[in-house]
């Protein structure tokens, strides 16, 4: 079984065999491009006018914890729409890079339909979990971080020995290769430490990262726990500043 999956892993890395992953990346990029956060459209103005448009955009499509549990149909949809909205170029590109690296192999293992439901469901629950912890906050929360963190959690379970090329800031960003079971728990530990220090409501949603990561790992364990996990070919991923 491992022999069969080694070929699958190579195809996931070298060929466009993950249409859902690439479709999600394209959709997020398109939504960002037409929104005010990209700065590409003159229709939103500039200066204070642009800032006001960005705030209105995030409030319209993002999660507002103080409104989420009011029971309105619009509030229930907020965690789903927030998954496709990003706050800046750095936010978008960091998330999409992680989704590109880890999404293709995870999608190939799960299948397209299951991966789509997994991505949206875990991302939704991650944002709800974060909003629950900050239930009184009036600030908007946007981004695919929770869903992508779930992909990382599932990847850890499914491909624990896949070697990941990482850039570590405390080692002068030298590219080093480690197995996923080293890199991804280290990433999760960084999120845990950061979440413990983030006391002032929405900013970087470290708690959503942790919730998503845990959900992804648990889903993969429950769904694939009785099957042989994959010894994967090397994958590349950044580790450092551009975290989802």
Foldseek 3Di string as FASTA:
>chain_A
DQVVVQVVQVCLAPHPPQVLLVVLLVQLVVVACPALLEVNDCVQPDDPSSVVRLQVVLLQQFAFLQCLPPPDPSSVCNLQSLASYDRHPLQSVLLSQLSSQQVSSLCSVQDRVRLVCQLRVQSSVLVNVQSVVVNNGRGGHHHSLLSSLLSLLLCCQQAQQAWEFEQEVVVVGDTDIDGSVPQSVVLLVVLVVVVVVPDPGDDPSSSSSNSSNVSSNVVNCVVCVVPDGYHYYHTYDYDDDSHD
